Amino acid sequence: MLSELMNFLRACFQSSSDRYGAGEIRGRQDGLLWYKDSGQHLNGDFSMSVIQANNLLEDQSQIESGSLSLQESGPRGTFVGVYDGHGGPETSRYICDHLFQHLKRFASEQDLMSADVIRKAFQATEEGFLSIVRSQWPTNPQIAAVGSCCLVGVICDGTLYVANLGDSRAILGRAVKATGEVLAIQLSTEHNVSNESVRLELQSLHPDDPQVVVLRHNVWRVKGIIQISRSIGDVYLKKAEFNREPLYAKFRVQEPFRTPFLSSEPAISEIQLKPDDQFVIFASDGLWEHLSNQEAVDIVHSHNQSEYWLKDLECDGVLFSIKGKCKKTGQSCTSSSCKEKRNEVLRFEEDRPWRSSPFP
């Protein structure tokens, strides 16, 4: 497995004359591989790579750096998002277009960054997509079965906020000075019914439904349909009004329901960054099906560039690395239309800019 990965990493450093641009991010393209060697964000450098696995782009990811508020005097920092779509591209695209804007709006209202700001941004995004489903239901009812996992990281004033819906994962690499190793520390909570705790949570919410979680072909699924228990979208399992004809029969549950089967409430953690914190890997489930947390951290730690993605392993995600030095500040960086295999690396200086507050 690691030899396959290393072959891909070496391929990422090959030059290509083709160029691809999205917003202020410009990179290189070689077939289904797109990559950017180095760019700059508020606190340092970043780089990224993308591999498209399917004909239809269902996933999105983005990096925004600079102001985290609509007010110039508001909080500043860096925002990373990974949106692993399913059933279609509509939800992940909607998240990419709206979640960060909602976050800036709520940060402006509170004049700070907080877990509450992030939670409200998730809720507003969910409500916004629900309104899209309602408006399109008469002509495009299948949009009710489109959804997306949503993994977000925000660095502001020395704090890393990680918010997650679904089964994507964020892993911190923290250096151990005594040994020179970098340890993997999982920061996010996953919402996949393959985890017993998630199954128990759903069963407690639906005590009268013995079929709320079903094991089919050795895979646990909510109502025998979907593996995740939290998402943006997927309103057919949240609102009974959309779980009926003309929605395809494979998405419809037989019995009426009042309590939603899926939730849009993110799990949010706050981490005070330390000088030994080296990088954070944000990746959707495809990566973690092939690599353990520590294997992924070891690969990142052993390389200086960011094009560490898994062409042969068909996985997706974003790599967010805390290393290097900032040469420019306040630059806004936005990327869109990024498919299953993606990484972004942000580098910071040895003297850790999160020791200074506020950011320049």
Protein backbone atom coordinates (compact mmCIF):
# COMPACT_ATOMS: atom_id res chain seq x y z
CA MET A 1 0.00 0.00 0.00
CA LEU A 2 2.70 2.46 0.97
CA SER A 3 4.68 1.74 -2.19
CA GLU A 4 1.61 2.62 -4.27
CA LEU A 5 1.23 5.82 -2.32
CA MET A 6 4.86 6.76 -2.79
CA ASN A 7 4.56 6.26 -6.56
CA PHE A 8 1.67 8.68 -6.54
CA LEU A 9 3.57 11.20 -4.45
CA ARG A 10 6.45 11.19 -6.90
CA ALA A 11 4.02 11.66 -9.79
CA CYS A 12 2.66 14.76 -8.10
CA PHE A 13 6.00 16.51 -8.47
CA GLN A 14 6.14 16.02 -12.24
CA SER A 15 5.77 19.18 -14.27
CA SER A 16 2.83 19.79 -16.55
CA SER A 17 2.11 22.55 -19.01
CA ASP A 18 -1.64 22.48 -18.38
CA ARG A 19 -3.02 25.04 -15.96
CA TYR A 20 -6.19 25.02 -13.92
CA GLY A 21 -7.62 27.96 -12.03
CA ALA A 22 -10.38 28.34 -9.46
CA GLY A 23 -10.82 31.75 -7.92
CA GLU A 24 -7.36 32.91 -6.86
CA ILE A 25 -5.96 29.38 -6.83
CA ARG A 26 -4.08 28.29 -9.94
CA GLY A 27 -2.40 24.94 -10.32
CA ARG A 28 -1.30 22.30 -12.77
CA GLN A 29 -3.23 19.46 -14.30
CA ASP A 30 -2.00 16.09 -15.54
CA GLY A 31 -4.91 13.93 -16.62
CA LEU A 32 -7.16 13.45 -13.60
CA LEU A 33 -4.47 14.81 -11.30
CA TRP A 34 -4.58 18.50 -10.37
CA TYR A 35 -2.09 20.00 -7.96
CA LYS A 36 -0.65 23.25 -6.70
CA ASP A 37 2.91 23.30 -5.39
CA SER A 38 2.65 26.34 -3.12
CA GLY A 39 0.36 29.23 -2.38
CA GLN A 40 0.00 31.59 0.53
CA HIS A 41 -2.61 32.02 3.20
CA LEU A 42 -2.83 34.35 6.16
CA ASN A 43 -0.36 32.45 8.31
CA GLY A 44 2.01 30.90 5.80
CA ASP A 45 2.02 28.66 2.73
CA PHE A 46 -0.39 26.08 1.43
CA SER A 47 -0.43 23.55 -1.37
CA MET A 48 -2.94 21.01 -2.58
CA SER A 49 -3.67 18.19 -4.98
CA VAL A 50 -6.85 16.74 -6.43
CA ILE A 51 -7.67 13.45 -8.14
CA GLN A 52 -11.06 13.01 -9.80
CA ALA A 53 -12.33 9.46 -9.32
CA ASN A 54 -15.84 9.60 -10.80
CA ASN A 55 -17.40 11.06 -13.92
CA LEU A 56 -19.57 13.34 -11.80
CA LEU A 57 -17.92 15.63 -9.27
CA GLU A 58 -19.92 15.16 -6.07
CA ASP A 59 -17.33 16.53 -3.64
CA GLN A 60 -16.06 20.02 -2.94
CA SER A 61 -13.41 21.55 -0.72
CA GLN A 62 -12.13 25.03 -0.04
CA ILE A 63 -9.62 27.15 1.80
CA GLU A 64 -10.34 30.73 2.84
CA SER A 65 -7.75 32.88 4.54
CA GLY A 66 -7.89 36.41 5.88
CA SER A 67 -10.98 37.94 7.41
CA LEU A 68 -13.40 35.55 9.09
CA SER A 69 -15.93 38.32 9.49
CA LEU A 70 -17.83 40.86 7.40
CA GLN A 71 -16.19 43.57 9.48
CA GLU A 72 -12.58 44.64 8.95
CA SER A 73 -12.07 44.74 12.71
CA GLY A 74 -13.43 41.22 13.14
CA PRO A 75 -11.53 37.96 13.68
CA ARG A 76 -8.96 36.81 11.14
CA GLY A 77 -7.62 33.37 10.42
CA THR A 78 -7.91 30.41 8.08
CA PHE A 79 -10.89 28.25 7.15
CA VAL A 80 -10.67 24.76 5.56
CA GLY A 81 -13.66 22.74 4.41
CA VAL A 82 -14.07 19.22 3.00
CA TYR A 83 -17.53 18.37 1.65
CA ASP A 84 -17.95 14.71 0.70
CA GLY A 85 -21.12 14.60 -1.36
CA HIS A 86 -23.34 11.64 -2.19
CA GLY A 87 -26.35 11.17 -4.43
CA GLY A 88 -25.30 14.14 -6.55
CA PRO A 89 -23.22 17.32 -6.43
CA GLU A 90 -25.88 19.80 -5.36
CA THR A 91 -25.40 19.70 -1.59
CA SER A 92 -21.61 19.87 -1.55
CA ARG A 93 -21.70 22.75 -4.03
CA TYR A 94 -24.26 24.57 -1.92
CA ILE A 95 -22.10 24.13 1.18
CA CYS A 96 -19.04 25.41 -0.65
CA ASP A 97 -20.94 28.49 -1.78
CA HIS A 98 -22.71 29.33 1.49
CA LEU A 99 -21.18 27.86 4.67
CA PHE A 100 -18.22 30.22 4.90
CA GLN A 101 -20.42 33.23 4.15
CA HIS A 102 -22.76 32.23 6.98
CA LEU A 103 -19.78 31.82 9.28
CA LYS A 104 -18.59 35.35 8.45
CA ARG A 105 -22.06 36.74 9.10
CA PHE A 106 -22.40 35.14 12.54
CA ALA A 107 -18.81 36.04 13.45
CA SER A 108 -19.66 39.65 12.60
CA GLU A 109 -22.72 39.56 14.83
CA GLN A 110 -20.74 38.20 17.79
CA ASP A 111 -17.47 39.95 16.88
CA LEU A 112 -15.52 36.76 17.57
CA MET A 113 -14.97 33.21 16.41
CA SER A 114 -16.50 30.48 18.53
CA ALA A 115 -18.07 27.04 18.44
CA ASP A 116 -21.46 28.76 18.57
CA VAL A 117 -20.65 30.77 15.44
CA ILE A 118 -19.68 27.59 13.60
CA ARG A 119 -22.78 25.72 14.82
CA LYS A 120 -25.05 28.53 13.62
CA ALA A 121 -23.30 28.56 10.24
CA PHE A 122 -23.96 24.83 9.86
CA GLN A 123 -27.61 25.30 10.83
CA ALA A 124 -28.10 28.17 8.38
CA THR A 125 -26.53 26.09 5.61
CA GLU A 126 -28.83 23.17 6.36
CA GLU A 127 -31.88 25.43 6.39
CA GLY A 128 -30.80 27.06 3.16
CA PHE A 129 -30.43 23.76 1.35
CA LEU A 130 -33.78 22.61 2.73
CA SER A 131 -35.38 25.65 1.12
CA ILE A 132 -33.77 24.65 -2.19
CA VAL A 133 -35.26 21.17 -1.89
CA ARG A 134 -38.70 22.60 -1.16
CA SER A 135 -38.56 24.89 -4.18
CA GLN A 136 -37.32 22.16 -6.53
CA TRP A 137 -39.42 19.28 -5.21
CA PRO A 138 -42.22 19.64 -7.82
CA THR A 139 -39.79 19.41 -10.76
CA ASN A 140 -36.73 17.65 -9.27
CA PRO A 141 -37.86 15.47 -6.34
CA GLN A 142 -34.67 13.37 -6.32
CA ILE A 143 -32.76 16.34 -4.88
CA ALA A 144 -34.28 15.29 -1.55
CA ALA A 145 -31.91 12.28 -1.58
CA VAL A 146 -28.76 14.35 -2.20
CA GLY A 147 -26.52 15.11 0.76
CA SER A 148 -22.99 15.72 1.92
CA CYS A 149 -20.69 15.09 4.83
CA CYS A 150 -19.13 18.31 6.08
CA LEU A 151 -15.75 18.63 7.80
CA VAL A 152 -14.53 22.12 8.71
CA GLY A 153 -11.44 23.49 10.41
CA VAL A 154 -10.97 27.09 11.54
CA ILE A 155 -7.76 28.52 13.00
CA CYS A 156 -8.26 31.79 14.84
CA ASP A 157 -6.26 33.38 17.66
CA GLY A 158 -4.31 30.23 18.38
CA THR A 159 -7.37 27.98 18.56
CA LEU A 160 -8.21 25.26 16.06
CA TYR A 161 -11.93 24.56 15.78
CA VAL A 162 -12.93 21.28 14.14
CA ALA A 163 -16.56 20.69 13.21
CA ASN A 164 -17.85 17.54 11.57
CA LEU A 165 -20.96 15.93 10.14
CA GLY A 166 -20.55 12.43 8.74
CA ASP A 167 -17.52 10.17 8.53
CA SER A 168 -14.71 12.47 7.46
CA ARG A 169 -11.83 12.83 9.91
CA ALA A 170 -9.31 15.38 11.17
CA ILE A 171 -5.95 14.19 12.51
CA LEU A 172 -3.34 16.34 14.25
CA GLY A 173 0.35 15.54 13.91
CA ARG A 174 2.17 16.52 17.12
CA ALA A 175 5.95 16.31 17.42
CA VAL A 176 7.60 14.43 20.28
CA LYS A 177 10.93 16.15 20.88
CA ALA A 178 12.43 13.29 22.85
CA THR A 179 12.10 10.80 19.98
CA GLY A 180 11.71 12.96 16.88
CA GLU A 181 8.46 11.20 16.08
CA VAL A 182 5.16 12.85 15.17
CA LEU A 183 2.15 11.31 16.87
CA ALA A 184 -1.32 11.12 15.35
CA ILE A 185 -4.11 12.64 17.46
CA GLN A 186 -7.68 12.33 16.22
CA LEU A 187 -9.61 15.58 16.61
CA SER A 188 -13.00 14.78 15.11
CA THR A 189 -15.98 12.62 15.97
CA GLU A 190 -17.34 10.44 13.16
CA HIS A 191 -21.00 9.71 12.54
CA ASN A 192 -21.08 6.35 10.80
CA VAL A 193 -23.28 3.52 12.01
CA SER A 194 -20.39 1.10 11.66
CA ASN A 195 -19.50 2.54 15.08
CA GLU A 196 -21.49 0.89 17.86
CA SER A 197 -21.86 4.15 19.77
CA VAL A 198 -23.56 5.75 16.76
CA ARG A 199 -25.93 2.80 16.41
CA LEU A 200 -26.82 3.02 20.10
CA GLU A 201 -27.47 6.74 19.73
CA LEU A 202 -29.91 6.16 16.86
CA GLN A 203 -31.62 3.30 18.68
CA SER A 204 -32.12 5.50 21.74
CA LEU A 205 -33.72 8.17 19.56
CA HIS A 206 -36.01 5.61 17.89
CA PRO A 207 -36.83 3.08 20.64
CA ASP A 208 -39.97 1.88 18.82
CA ASP A 209 -38.18 1.17 15.54
CA PRO A 210 -36.12 -2.04 15.64
CA GLN A 211 -35.14 -1.45 12.02
CA VAL A 212 -33.67 2.03 12.48
CA VAL A 213 -30.24 0.49 11.86
CA VAL A 214 -29.98 -2.58 9.65
CA LEU A 215 -27.04 -4.86 8.85
CA ARG A 216 -27.04 -5.73 5.14
CA HIS A 217 -24.20 -7.51 3.37
CA ASN A 218 -22.04 -6.95 6.47
CA VAL A 219 -22.57 -3.19 6.32
CA TRP A 220 -24.61 -1.26 8.90
CA ARG A 221 -26.97 1.32 7.38
CA VAL A 222 -29.60 3.74 8.68
CA LYS A 223 -32.94 2.26 7.55
CA GLY A 224 -30.89 -0.02 5.33
CA ILE A 225 -30.01 2.94 3.09
CA ILE A 226 -27.13 5.14 4.26
CA GLN A 227 -24.13 4.63 6.52
CA ILE A 228 -23.83 8.11 8.04
CA SER A 229 -26.10 9.47 10.75
CA ARG A 230 -25.37 13.20 10.29
CA SER A 231 -25.11 15.33 7.18
CA ILE A 232 -26.20 18.43 5.33
CA GLY A 233 -29.10 17.59 3.02
CA ASP A 234 -30.49 14.04 2.82
CA VAL A 235 -33.81 15.60 3.75
CA TYR A 236 -35.71 12.46 2.73
CA LEU A 237 -34.54 10.97 6.04
CA LYS A 238 -35.15 14.16 8.03
CA LYS A 239 -38.54 15.38 6.79
CA ALA A 240 -41.36 12.88 6.18
CA GLU A 241 -42.92 15.24 3.63
CA PHE A 242 -40.08 14.36 1.23
CA ASN A 243 -40.13 10.61 1.85
CA ARG A 244 -42.87 9.76 -0.61
CA GLU A 245 -43.55 9.50 -4.30
CA PRO A 246 -42.20 10.61 -6.71
CA LEU A 247 -38.95 10.00 -4.78
CA TYR A 248 -37.38 6.76 -5.98
CA ALA A 249 -38.64 3.75 -4.06
CA LYS A 250 -35.13 2.77 -2.89
CA PHE A 251 -35.03 5.94 -0.77
CA ARG A 252 -38.48 5.64 0.76
CA VAL A 253 -39.09 4.09 4.17
CA GLN A 254 -42.26 2.08 4.61
CA GLU A 255 -43.55 3.59 7.83
CA PRO A 256 -44.24 7.28 8.54
CA PHE A 257 -41.86 9.01 10.93
CA ARG A 258 -41.79 12.13 13.05
CA THR A 259 -38.30 11.97 14.55
CA PRO A 260 -35.61 12.54 11.88
CA PHE A 261 -33.33 9.59 11.20
CA LEU A 262 -30.42 11.88 10.34
CA SER A 263 -29.17 15.01 12.09
CA SER A 264 -27.39 18.17 10.95
CA GLU A 265 -25.94 18.96 14.39
CA PRO A 266 -22.14 19.06 14.06
CA ALA A 267 -19.72 17.68 16.60
CA ILE A 268 -17.34 20.56 17.42
CA SER A 269 -14.03 20.46 19.26
CA GLU A 270 -11.66 23.27 20.25
CA ILE A 271 -7.92 22.72 20.42
CA GLN A 272 -5.39 25.23 21.71
CA LEU A 273 -2.47 24.88 19.32
CA LYS A 274 0.95 24.22 20.81
CA PRO A 275 4.47 24.78 19.44
CA ASP A 276 4.85 21.04 18.82
CA ASP A 277 1.73 20.82 16.65
CA GLN A 278 3.00 20.25 13.11
CA PHE A 279 0.02 19.71 10.80
CA VAL A 280 -3.61 18.64 10.57
CA ILE A 281 -4.95 16.18 8.02
CA PHE A 282 -8.53 16.74 6.92
CA ALA A 283 -9.78 13.83 4.82
CA SER A 284 -12.99 12.06 3.95
CA ASP A 285 -13.55 8.38 4.63
CA GLY A 286 -11.81 7.15 1.47
CA LEU A 287 -8.40 7.90 2.94
CA TRP A 288 -9.07 6.20 6.27
CA GLU A 289 -10.25 3.04 4.54
CA HIS A 290 -6.64 2.55 3.38
CA LEU A 291 -4.45 4.23 5.99
CA SER A 292 -4.43 4.35 9.75
CA ASN A 293 -4.16 7.71 11.48
CA GLN A 294 -0.50 7.12 12.26
CA GLU A 295 0.35 5.91 8.75
CA ALA A 296 -1.09 9.07 7.27
CA VAL A 297 0.81 11.26 9.74
CA ASP A 298 4.06 9.40 9.05
CA ILE A 299 3.68 9.99 5.31
CA VAL A 300 3.03 13.69 5.74
CA HIS A 301 5.87 14.06 8.24
CA SER A 302 8.36 12.46 5.85
CA HIS A 303 7.71 14.88 2.99
CA ASN A 304 8.17 18.59 2.45
CA GLN A 305 5.49 19.14 -0.18
CA SER A 306 1.77 18.54 -0.13
CA GLU A 307 1.00 16.40 -3.14
CA TYR A 308 0.50 13.34 -0.98
CA TRP A 309 -2.66 11.95 -2.44
CA LEU A 310 -3.91 8.52 -3.26
CA LYS A 311 -4.42 8.15 -7.00
CA ASP A 312 -4.32 4.37 -6.82
CA LEU A 313 -6.27 4.08 -3.58
CA GLU A 314 -9.27 6.20 -4.66
CA CYS A 315 -9.73 8.27 -1.55
CA ASP A 316 -10.49 11.89 -0.88
CA GLY A 317 -9.57 14.60 1.53
CA VAL A 318 -7.60 17.66 2.41
CA LEU A 319 -4.23 17.82 4.08
CA PHE A 320 -3.79 20.87 6.29
CA SER A 321 -0.21 21.28 7.52
CA ILE A 322 1.07 23.75 10.10
CA LYS A 323 4.65 24.55 9.06
CA GLY A 324 6.77 27.19 7.32
CA LYS A 325 6.70 30.97 7.23
CA CYS A 326 4.21 33.60 6.11
CA LYS A 327 5.50 36.05 3.51
CA LYS A 328 2.17 37.68 2.76
CA THR A 329 -0.87 38.23 4.95
CA GLY A 330 -4.52 38.80 4.41
CA GLN A 331 -4.65 37.07 1.03
CA SER A 332 -7.97 35.46 0.21
CA CYS A 333 -7.71 31.98 -1.28
CA THR A 334 -10.74 30.10 -2.58
CA SER A 335 -10.95 26.78 -4.36
CA SER A 336 -13.95 24.94 -5.73
CA SER A 337 -14.93 21.86 -7.71
CA CYS A 338 -12.40 19.60 -6.02
CA LYS A 339 -13.09 15.91 -6.19
CA GLU A 340 -12.43 12.83 -4.11
CA LYS A 341 -8.69 12.95 -3.72
CA ARG A 342 -7.45 16.28 -2.54
CA ASN A 343 -5.04 17.77 -0.09
CA GLU A 344 -4.16 21.25 1.02
CA VAL A 345 -1.09 22.07 3.07
CA LEU A 346 -0.75 25.20 5.16
CA ARG A 347 2.71 25.90 6.57
CA PHE A 348 3.70 28.12 9.48
CA GLU A 349 6.95 29.39 10.96
CA GLU A 350 8.87 27.92 13.88
CA ASP A 351 7.81 30.77 16.16
CA ARG A 352 4.15 29.79 15.74
CA PRO A 353 2.04 32.77 14.72
CA TRP A 354 -0.76 31.66 17.06
CA ARG A 355 1.37 33.03 19.89
CA SER A 356 0.49 36.48 18.60
CA SER A 357 -3.01 37.85 18.89
CA PRO A 358 -4.65 39.21 16.88
CA PHE A 359 -3.31 38.03 13.55
CA PRO A 360 -1.74 40.70 11.34
